[in-house]
Structures are given as structure tokens and as C-alpha cells.
C-alpha atoms as a PDB file:
ATOM      1  CA  UNK A   1       0.000   0.000   0.000  1.00  0.00           C
ATOM      2  CA  UNK A   2       1.295   3.432  -0.905  1.00  0.00           C
ATOM      3  CA  UNK A   3       1.693   5.765   2.083  1.00  0.00           C
ATOM      4  CA  UNK A   4       2.625   9.436   2.008  1.00  0.00           C
ATOM      5  CA  UNK A   5       3.159  11.829   4.916  1.00  0.00           C
ATOM      6  CA  UNK A   6       2.644  15.539   4.255  1.00  0.00           C
ATOM      7  CA  UNK A   7       2.750  18.489   6.625  1.00  0.00           C
ATOM      8  CA  UNK A   8       2.427  22.233   6.467  1.00  0.00           C
ATOM      9  CA  UNK A   9       2.129  25.219   8.763  1.00  0.00           C
ATOM     10  CA  UNK A  10      -1.564  25.939   9.213  1.00  0.00           C
ATOM     11  CA  UNK A  11      -2.340  29.668   9.268  1.00  0.00           C
ATOM     12  CA  UNK A  12      -5.698  28.899  10.845  1.00  0.00           C
ATOM     13  CA  UNK A  13      -4.272  26.862  13.729  1.00  0.00           C
ATOM     14  CA  UNK A  14      -0.926  28.616  14.045  1.00  0.00           C
ATOM     15  CA  UNK A  15       1.004  25.341  14.107  1.00  0.00           C
ATOM     16  CA  UNK A  16       2.333  22.624  11.837  1.00  0.00           C
ATOM     17  CA  UNK A  17      -0.198  19.922  10.981  1.00  0.00           C
ATOM     18  CA  UNK A  18       0.479  16.531   9.354  1.00  0.00           C
ATOM     19  CA  UNK A  19      -1.719  14.488   7.056  1.00  0.00           C
ATOM     20  CA  UNK A  20      -1.211  10.869   5.993  1.00  0.00           C
ATOM     21  CA  UNK A  21      -2.404   9.585   2.619  1.00  0.00           C
ATOM     22  CA  UNK A  22      -2.982   5.879   1.986  1.00  0.00           C
ATOM     23  CA  UNK A  23      -3.485   4.578  -1.541  1.00  0.00           C
ATOM     24  CA  UNK A  24      -3.080   5.661  -5.158  1.00  0.00           C
ATOM     25  CA  UNK A  25      -6.613   6.553  -6.229  1.00  0.00           C
ATOM     26  CA  UNK A  26     -10.283   6.200  -5.284  1.00  0.00           C
ATOM     27  CA  UNK A  27     -13.015   8.086  -3.488  1.00  0.00           C
ATOM     28  CA  UNK A  28     -11.310  10.394  -0.954  1.00  0.00           C
ATOM     29  CA  UNK A  29     -12.119   9.405   2.630  1.00  0.00           C
ATOM     30  CA  UNK A  30     -11.042  11.813   5.371  1.00  0.00           C
ATOM     31  CA  UNK A  31     -10.478  10.199   8.786  1.00  0.00           C
ATOM     32  CA  UNK A  32     -10.717  12.030  12.108  1.00  0.00           C
ATOM     33  CA  UNK A  33      -8.974  10.271  15.020  1.00  0.00           C
ATOM     34  CA  UNK A  34     -10.571   9.363  18.316  1.00  0.00           C
ATOM     35  CA  UNK A  35     -10.168  11.572  21.397  1.00  0.00           C
ATOM     36  CA  UNK A  36      -6.801  13.377  21.350  1.00  0.00           C
ATOM     37  CA  UNK A  37      -4.944  11.104  18.949  1.00  0.00           C
ATOM     38  CA  UNK A  38      -2.895  11.793  15.839  1.00  0.00           C
ATOM     39  CA  UNK A  39      -3.089  11.088  12.126  1.00  0.00           C
ATOM     40  CA  UNK A  40      -1.491   7.640  12.398  1.00  0.00           C
ATOM     41  CA  UNK A  41      -3.797   6.309  15.133  1.00  0.00           C
ATOM     42  CA  UNK A  42      -5.941   4.312  12.718  1.00  0.00           C
ATOM     43  CA  UNK A  43      -2.830   2.646  11.334  1.00  0.00           C
ATOM     44  CA  UNK A  44      -1.484   1.781  14.811  1.00  0.00           C
ATOM     45  CA  UNK A  45      -4.777   0.187  15.858  1.00  0.00           C
ATOM     46  CA  UNK A  46      -5.022  -1.905  12.705  1.00  0.00           C
ATOM     47  CA  UNK A  47      -7.952  -0.184  11.046  1.00  0.00           C
ATOM     48  CA  UNK A  48      -5.957   0.789   7.953  1.00  0.00           C
ATOM     49  CA  UNK A  49      -4.865  -2.830   7.581  1.00  0.00           C
ATOM     50  CA  UNK A  50      -8.474  -3.942   8.010  1.00  0.00           C
ATOM     51  CA  UNK A  51      -9.599  -1.831   5.031  1.00  0.00           C
ATOM     52  CA  UNK A  52      -6.388  -2.273   3.007  1.00  0.00           C
ATOM     53  CA  UNK A  53      -8.162  -4.335   0.352  1.00  0.00           C
ATOM     54  CA  UNK A  54     -10.486  -1.396  -0.333  1.00  0.00           C
ATOM     55  CA  UNK A  55      -7.523   0.977  -0.538  1.00  0.00           C
ATOM     56  CA  UNK A  56      -5.454  -1.289  -2.773  1.00  0.00           C
ATOM     57  CA  UNK A  57      -8.371  -1.903  -5.138  1.00  0.00           C
ATOM     58  CA  UNK A  58      -8.945   1.843  -5.596  1.00  0.00           C
ATOM     59  CA  UNK A  59     -12.314   1.890  -3.897  1.00  0.00           C
ATOM     60  CA  UNK A  60     -11.106   4.586  -1.477  1.00  0.00           C
ATOM     61  CA  UNK A  61      -8.083   6.805  -0.996  1.00  0.00           C
ATOM     62  CA  UNK A  62      -7.665   7.573   2.702  1.00  0.00           C
ATOM     63  CA  UNK A  63      -6.542  10.876   4.193  1.00  0.00           C
ATOM     64  CA  UNK A  64      -5.979  10.978   7.966  1.00  0.00           C
ATOM     65  CA  UNK A  65      -5.355  14.118  10.034  1.00  0.00           C
ATOM     66  CA  UNK A  66      -4.469  15.039  13.605  1.00  0.00           C
ATOM     67  CA  UNK A  67      -6.969  15.935  16.265  1.00  0.00           C
ATOM     68  CA  UNK A  68      -6.499  19.081  18.342  1.00  0.00           C
ATOM     69  CA  UNK A  69      -9.011  17.965  20.991  1.00  0.00           C
ATOM     70  CA  UNK A  70      -6.248  18.140  23.595  1.00  0.00           C
ATOM     71  CA  UNK A  71      -6.121  21.893  22.955  1.00  0.00           C
ATOM     72  CA  UNK A  72      -9.884  22.313  22.820  1.00  0.00           C
ATOM     73  CA  UNK A  73     -12.621  20.062  24.190  1.00  0.00           C
ATOM     74  CA  UNK A  74     -10.340  17.837  26.291  1.00  0.00           C
ATOM     75  CA  UNK A  75      -8.178  20.626  27.745  1.00  0.00           C
ATOM     76  CA  UNK A  76      -9.286  20.756  31.388  1.00  0.00           C
ATOM     77  CA  UNK A  77      -7.002  23.720  32.077  1.00  0.00           C
ATOM     78  CA  UNK A  78      -8.428  25.970  29.364  1.00  0.00           C
ATOM     79  CA  UNK A  79     -11.305  28.414  29.674  1.00  0.00           C
ATOM     80  CA  UNK A  80     -14.352  27.169  27.724  1.00  0.00           C
ATOM     81  CA  UNK A  81     -14.078  30.213  25.439  1.00  0.00           C
ATOM     82  CA  UNK A  82     -10.620  29.035  24.377  1.00  0.00           C
ATOM     83  CA  UNK A  83     -11.952  25.524  23.781  1.00  0.00           C
ATOM     84  CA  UNK A  84     -14.716  26.714  21.479  1.00  0.00           C
ATOM     85  CA  UNK A  85     -12.411  29.106  19.610  1.00  0.00           C
ATOM     86  CA  UNK A  86      -9.917  26.302  18.956  1.00  0.00           C
ATOM     87  CA  UNK A  87     -12.726  24.144  17.560  1.00  0.00           C
ATOM     88  CA  UNK A  88     -13.769  27.057  15.345  1.00  0.00           C
ATOM     89  CA  UNK A  89     -10.302  27.410  13.829  1.00  0.00           C
ATOM     90  CA  UNK A  90      -9.955  23.618  13.498  1.00  0.00           C
ATOM     91  CA  UNK A  91     -13.145  23.616  11.413  1.00  0.00           C
ATOM     92  CA  UNK A  92     -11.652  26.379   9.254  1.00  0.00           C
ATOM     93  CA  UNK A  93      -8.444  24.355   8.873  1.00  0.00           C
ATOM     94  CA  UNK A  94     -10.438  21.369   7.598  1.00  0.00           C
ATOM     95  CA  UNK A  95     -12.554  23.470   5.241  1.00  0.00           C
ATOM     96  CA  UNK A  96      -9.953  25.934   3.958  1.00  0.00           C
ATOM     97  CA  UNK A  97      -6.784  23.816   4.006  1.00  0.00           C
ATOM     98  CA  UNK A  98      -7.500  20.082   4.138  1.00  0.00           C
ATOM     99  CA  UNK A  99     -10.325  20.041   1.586  1.00  0.00           C
ATOM    100  CA  UNK A 100      -8.281  21.901  -1.085  1.00  0.00           C
ATOM    101  CA  UNK A 101      -5.283  19.636  -0.389  1.00  0.00           C
ATOM    102  CA  UNK A 102      -7.443  16.545  -0.957  1.00  0.00           C
ATOM    103  CA  UNK A 103      -8.909  17.937  -4.186  1.00  0.00           C
ATOM    104  CA  UNK A 104      -5.419  18.782  -5.487  1.00  0.00           C
ATOM    105  CA  UNK A 105      -4.000  15.411  -4.439  1.00  0.00           C
ATOM    106  CA  UNK A 106      -6.862  13.655  -6.239  1.00  0.00           C
ATOM    107  CA  UNK A 107      -6.407  15.961  -9.238  1.00  0.00           C
ATOM    108  CA  UNK A 108     -10.160  16.486  -9.255  1.00  0.00           C
ATOM    109  CA  UNK A 109     -11.374  19.990  -8.360  1.00  0.00           C
ATOM    110  CA  UNK A 110     -14.737  19.840  -6.608  1.00  0.00           C
ATOM    111  CA  UNK A 111     -14.530  16.127  -5.866  1.00  0.00           C
ATOM    112  CA  UNK A 112     -17.003  15.091  -3.166  1.00  0.00           C
ATOM    113  CA  UNK A 113     -15.086  14.119  -0.038  1.00  0.00           C
ATOM    114  CA  UNK A 114     -16.288  11.473   2.411  1.00  0.00           C
ATOM    115  CA  UNK A 115     -15.549  11.633   6.147  1.00  0.00           C
ATOM    116  CA  UNK A 116     -15.403   9.046   8.886  1.00  0.00           C
ATOM    117  CA  UNK A 117     -14.348   8.660  12.478  1.00  0.00           C
ATOM    118  CA  UNK A 118     -15.007   6.648  15.602  1.00  0.00           C
ATOM    119  CA  UNK A 119     -15.943   7.973  19.038  1.00  0.00           C
ATOM    120  CA  UNK A 120     -14.869  11.648  19.173  1.00  0.00           C
ATOM    121  CA  UNK A 121     -13.823  11.316  15.544  1.00  0.00           C
ATOM    122  CA  UNK A 122     -17.447  10.618  14.630  1.00  0.00           C
ATOM    123  CA  UNK A 123     -18.403  14.047  15.960  1.00  0.00           C
ATOM    124  CA  UNK A 124     -15.794  15.755  13.770  1.00  0.00           C
ATOM    125  CA  UNK A 125     -16.747  13.677  10.732  1.00  0.00           C
ATOM    126  CA  UNK A 126     -20.429  14.538  11.095  1.00  0.00           C
ATOM    127  CA  UNK A 127     -19.906  18.187  12.036  1.00  0.00           C
ATOM    128  CA  UNK A 128     -17.715  18.675   8.969  1.00  0.00           C
ATOM    129  CA  UNK A 129     -20.373  17.343   6.586  1.00  0.00           C
ATOM    130  CA  UNK A 130     -23.212  19.219   8.296  1.00  0.00           C
ATOM    131  CA  UNK A 131     -21.333  22.527   8.067  1.00  0.00           C
ATOM    132  CA  UNK A 132     -19.767  22.095   4.615  1.00  0.00           C
ATOM    133  CA  UNK A 133     -22.070  19.871   2.526  1.00  0.00           C
ATOM    134  CA  UNK A 134     -20.890  21.604  -0.640  1.00  0.00           C
ATOM    135  CA  UNK A 135     -17.470  19.919  -0.267  1.00  0.00           C
ATOM    136  CA  UNK A 136     -18.070  16.916   1.995  1.00  0.00           C
ATOM    137  CA  UNK A 137     -20.720  14.576   0.612  1.00  0.00           C
ATOM    138  CA  UNK A 138     -20.661  11.387   2.691  1.00  0.00           C
ATOM    139  CA  UNK A 139     -20.210  10.624   6.388  1.00  0.00           C
ATOM    140  CA  UNK A 140     -19.773   7.315   8.206  1.00  0.00           C
ATOM    141  CA  UNK A 141     -20.027   8.311  11.873  1.00  0.00           C
ATOM    142  CA  UNK A 142     -19.289   5.430  14.262  1.00  0.00           C
ATOM    143  CA  UNK A 143     -20.156   5.421  17.971  1.00  0.00           C
ATOM    144  CA  UNK A 144     -20.320   9.181  18.266  1.00  0.00           C
ATOM    145  CA  UNK A 145     -21.726  11.882  20.517  1.00  0.00           C
ATOM    146  CA  UNK A 146     -23.101  15.025  18.924  1.00  0.00           C
ATOM    147  CA  UNK A 147     -23.758  17.232  21.961  1.00  0.00           C
ATOM    148  CA  UNK A 148     -20.597  18.651  23.567  1.00  0.00           C
ATOM    149  CA  UNK A 149     -22.117  20.629  26.433  1.00  0.00           C
ATOM    150  CA  UNK A 150     -20.431  18.387  29.012  1.00  0.00           C
ATOM    151  CA  UNK A 151     -17.039  19.683  27.851  1.00  0.00           C
ATOM    152  CA  UNK A 152     -17.819  23.364  28.424  1.00  0.00           C
ATOM    153  CA  UNK A 153     -19.356  23.500  31.936  1.00  0.00           C
ATOM    154  CA  UNK A 154     -22.524  25.156  30.627  1.00  0.00           C
ATOM    155  CA  UNK A 155     -20.507  27.919  28.901  1.00  0.00           C
ATOM    156  CA  UNK A 156     -22.138  29.071  25.678  1.00  0.00           C
ATOM    157  CA  UNK A 157     -21.035  31.284  22.797  1.00  0.00           C
ATOM    158  CA  UNK A 158     -21.410  31.456  19.010  1.00  0.00           C
ATOM    159  CA  UNK A 159     -18.375  29.255  18.377  1.00  0.00           C
ATOM    160  CA  UNK A 160     -19.911  26.571  20.582  1.00  0.00           C
ATOM    161  CA  UNK A 161     -23.379  26.888  19.043  1.00  0.00           C
ATOM    162  CA  UNK A 162     -22.137  26.610  15.466  1.00  0.00           C
ATOM    163  CA  UNK A 163     -20.087  23.500  16.274  1.00  0.00           C
ATOM    164  CA  UNK A 164     -22.675  21.652  18.362  1.00  0.00           C
ATOM    165  CA  UNK A 165     -24.921  19.747  15.952  1.00  0.00           C
ATOM    166  CA  UNK A 166     -27.813  19.242  18.373  1.00  0.00           C
ATOM    167  CA  UNK A 167     -28.028  23.045  18.665  1.00  0.00           C
ATOM    168  CA  UNK A 168     -27.582  24.328  15.142  1.00  0.00           C
ATOM    169  CA  UNK A 169     -29.351  21.577  13.172  1.00  0.00           C
ATOM    170  CA  UNK A 170     -32.859  22.295  14.574  1.00  0.00           C
ATOM    171  CA  UNK A 171     -32.496  25.958  13.554  1.00  0.00           C
ATOM    172  CA  UNK A 172     -30.980  25.335  10.137  1.00  0.00           C
ATOM    173  CA  UNK A 173     -33.300  27.000   7.631  1.00  0.00           C
ATOM    174  CA  UNK A 174     -30.970  28.027   4.806  1.00  0.00           C
ATOM    175  CA  UNK A 175     -32.537  26.449   1.718  1.00  0.00           C
ATOM    176  CA  UNK A 176     -29.237  26.043  -0.123  1.00  0.00           C
ATOM    177  CA  UNK A 177     -27.507  24.300   2.797  1.00  0.00           C
ATOM    178  CA  UNK A 178     -30.522  22.075   3.413  1.00  0.00           C
ATOM    179  CA  UNK A 179     -30.653  21.077  -0.248  1.00  0.00           C
ATOM    180  CA  UNK A 180     -26.955  20.246  -0.160  1.00  0.00           C
ATOM    181  CA  UNK A 181     -27.370  18.193   3.023  1.00  0.00           C
ATOM    182  CA  UNK A 182     -30.330  16.331   1.573  1.00  0.00           C
ATOM    183  CA  UNK A 183     -28.087  15.192  -1.279  1.00  0.00           C
ATOM    184  CA  UNK A 184     -25.420  13.829   1.096  1.00  0.00           C
ATOM    185  CA  UNK A 185     -25.093  10.236   2.235  1.00  0.00           C
ATOM    186  CA  UNK A 186     -25.260  10.226   6.037  1.00  0.00           C
ATOM    187  CA  UNK A 187     -24.623   7.007   7.958  1.00  0.00           C
ATOM    188  CA  UNK A 188     -24.932   7.056  11.764  1.00  0.00           C
ATOM    189  CA  UNK A 189     -23.636   3.835  13.299  1.00  0.00           C
ATOM    190  CA  UNK A 190     -23.449   2.654  16.878  1.00  0.00           C
ATOM    191  CA  UNK A 191     -23.354  -0.503  18.904  1.00  0.00           C
ATOM    192  CA  UNK A 192     -25.470  -1.062  22.002  1.00  0.00           C
ATOM    193  CA  UNK A 193     -22.882  -2.896  24.102  1.00  0.00           C
ATOM    194  CA  UNK A 194     -20.301  -1.828  26.673  1.00  0.00           C
ATOM    195  CA  UNK A 195     -19.434   1.889  26.719  1.00  0.00           C
ATOM    196  CA  UNK A 196     -21.706   2.658  23.789  1.00  0.00           C
ATOM    197  CA  UNK A 197     -24.388   5.348  24.031  1.00  0.00           C
ATOM    198  CA  UNK A 198     -26.899   4.582  21.265  1.00  0.00           C
ATOM    199  CA  UNK A 199     -29.259   7.281  22.512  1.00  0.00           C
ATOM    200  CA  UNK A 200     -26.804   9.889  21.237  1.00  0.00           C
ATOM    201  CA  UNK A 201     -27.014   8.545  17.701  1.00  0.00           C
ATOM    202  CA  UNK A 202     -30.783   8.230  18.018  1.00  0.00           C
ATOM    203  CA  UNK A 203     -31.010  11.880  19.103  1.00  0.00           C
ATOM    204  CA  UNK A 204     -29.061  12.990  16.033  1.00  0.00           C
ATOM    205  CA  UNK A 205     -31.239  10.821  13.790  1.00  0.00           C
ATOM    206  CA  UNK A 206     -34.388  12.410  15.189  1.00  0.00           C
ATOM    207  CA  UNK A 207     -33.041  15.907  14.515  1.00  0.00           C
ATOM    208  CA  UNK A 208     -32.142  15.021  10.934  1.00  0.00           C
ATOM    209  CA  UNK A 209     -35.563  13.490  10.372  1.00  0.00           C
ATOM    210  CA  UNK A 210     -37.293  16.659  11.575  1.00  0.00           C
ATOM    211  CA  UNK A 211     -35.371  18.665   8.965  1.00  0.00           C
ATOM    212  CA  UNK A 212     -36.192  16.191   6.206  1.00  0.00           C
ATOM    213  CA  UNK A 213     -32.546  15.195   5.777  1.00  0.00           C
ATOM    214  CA  UNK A 214     -32.238  11.603   4.510  1.00  0.00           C
ATOM    215  CA  UNK A 215     -29.853   9.415   6.500  1.00  0.00           C
ATOM    216  CA  UNK A 216     -29.431   5.903   7.830  1.00  0.00           C
ATOM    217  CA  UNK A 217     -29.364   5.091  11.540  1.00  0.00           C
ATOM    218  CA  UNK A 218     -27.821   1.667  11.998  1.00  0.00           C
ATOM    219  CA  UNK A 219     -28.000   0.271  15.538  1.00  0.00           C
ATOM    220  CA  UNK A 220     -25.832  -2.806  15.981  1.00  0.00           C
ATOM    221  CA  UNK A 221     -26.395  -5.420  18.686  1.00  0.00           C
ATOM    222  CA  UNK A 222     -26.023  -5.416  22.462  1.00  0.00           C
ATOM    223  CA  UNK A 223     -22.813  -7.411  22.044  1.00  0.00           C
ATOM    224  CA  UNK A 224     -21.245  -4.613  19.962  1.00  0.00           C
ATOM    225  CA  UNK A 225     -18.915  -2.617  22.202  1.00  0.00           C
ATOM    226  CA  UNK A 226     -17.245   0.786  21.905  1.00  0.00           C
ATOM    227  CA  UNK A 227     -13.982  -0.670  20.642  1.00  0.00           C
ATOM    228  CA  UNK A 228     -11.656  -1.090  17.680  1.00  0.00           C
ATOM    229  CA  UNK A 229     -12.637  -4.591  16.532  1.00  0.00           C
ATOM    230  CA  UNK A 230     -16.177  -3.390  15.864  1.00  0.00           C
ATOM    231  CA  UNK A 231     -15.143  -0.148  14.169  1.00  0.00           C
ATOM    232  CA  UNK A 232     -13.018  -2.185  11.744  1.00  0.00           C
ATOM    233  CA  UNK A 233     -16.061  -4.275  10.844  1.00  0.00           C
ATOM    234  CA  UNK A 234     -18.396  -1.278  10.596  1.00  0.00           C
ATOM    235  CA  UNK A 235     -16.114   0.656   8.264  1.00  0.00           C
ATOM    236  CA  UNK A 236     -15.517  -2.381   6.054  1.00  0.00           C
ATOM    237  CA  UNK A 237     -19.260  -2.902   5.694  1.00  0.00           C
ATOM    238  CA  UNK A 238     -20.008   0.668   4.686  1.00  0.00           C
ATOM    239  CA  UNK A 239     -17.051   1.219   2.382  1.00  0.00           C
ATOM    240  CA  UNK A 240     -18.319  -1.836   0.500  1.00  0.00           C
ATOM    241  CA  UNK A 241     -21.864  -0.415   0.386  1.00  0.00           C
ATOM    242  CA  UNK A 242     -21.095   3.202  -0.483  1.00  0.00           C
ATOM    243  CA  UNK A 243     -18.088   3.240  -2.819  1.00  0.00           C
END
């Protein structure tokens, strides 16, 4: 499998950010790591190997980036206003820097980018598609939570609101954005076993349904835990179905 490591200084984040590319060609799939991990987490935990046959066959071309959750949502020493601002500029980094890099790397301007992630990565994958459905056209969100109020101690500002899907989706009335979202492929996956919270995926599904946004909520069994072996299976299933 071809692997490339790129990095550049992000003007949005004010720091150097790496991105790993796996594969030669295929539908671009942007991966967001879990919790506070880095761009090679999915490789270390065997998920890249688990989907290698899809990468090698050209079904998908995988792009994986760093999280900055340690500087934002998971930074217990930061004021909530700093946390929400860091999320705001991370979203800009993905939209203004990562998306153009992917399009250039694929040599296809305007190519629809898919996103995926597990656990905290599912939040970023979904939030990215919901906010930028003109560029990001598919999401496979696995075992996620889409309400981040617990990370901000009841602090609230515009940066928080516009990055908290359970807040901004109910009030989304822009016809253009809604039309774009309704053309996206949205997969919300979760198990119902240990450390899973299926009610969080169900809540997101209900909000999407109220806005008339097509999506698939896929609840796996009570033996399906919040863990890597299941995320490998989930992603394999949906790469096969979607691409």
C-alpha cells in the first residue's frame, strides 16, 4: 500500500499539521482520530490494515489528520471560550486547508469528499459534513456523541453553538444548505454494548428526520462494544456499500 506523509504550517491553527495519505486513487475518505490522537492512530490500531483491500483496489483513498481535541474540548485547564475558539479554527483548517489539499491530491477539483471517524472522531466527521455539505458529501459516523455541552461546563457562545450539531441543526433554515445536506449520504452507526451510548445517535437521527434530511441510523447489537474490533467491521461494511 502506498503511504505518504505531508505536513504544512496551518495559518488557521498557528502550528504545523500533518496528514497521511494511503493509496493511489479512489473516493477520498477523510479520517478524524478518536479523542486526542494523531493522524497515524488508525494505522497503529489496525484499522488501515483492516480496510487495506479497499484501498489497494482503488475503492477509497484515505486521508488521515491530527486531532487538536487536547487543545480544545479535552483541555481541562483551558477556559471554555478558548476551547470553542480552537474548535472554530480547526473547522476552518479542515474546510480551507485540508479540503483543497485533498482535491489537489486527487487531481479532481470539486470532488465530493467522504468523512469518517469513531468515538470523538465521529463528531468531527459529522460536524464537517453538516457545516460544509458543498465539499463533503458522505459521512460514516461510528459510535459518536453530537452534543458537547459536558465539555464546556454550561458555557455558551457562538463558536460553541455553530459546532454543536444538536443546537444548530434544529435551527438550520438556509434552503441552499438544506438542499446540499439532503443530497449527502449520512450514515450514523453505533453498537449497544459496553461503553456505547446509542441514545446519542438516536437523538441525532431524530433531529435530521425533523429537517427532512435523509440518513441511515444503523444500531448494531447489544454485544457490539465501543472498541476497535467493531469499528473495523463497521467501516468495512459501509465502504463496500457506499463506494
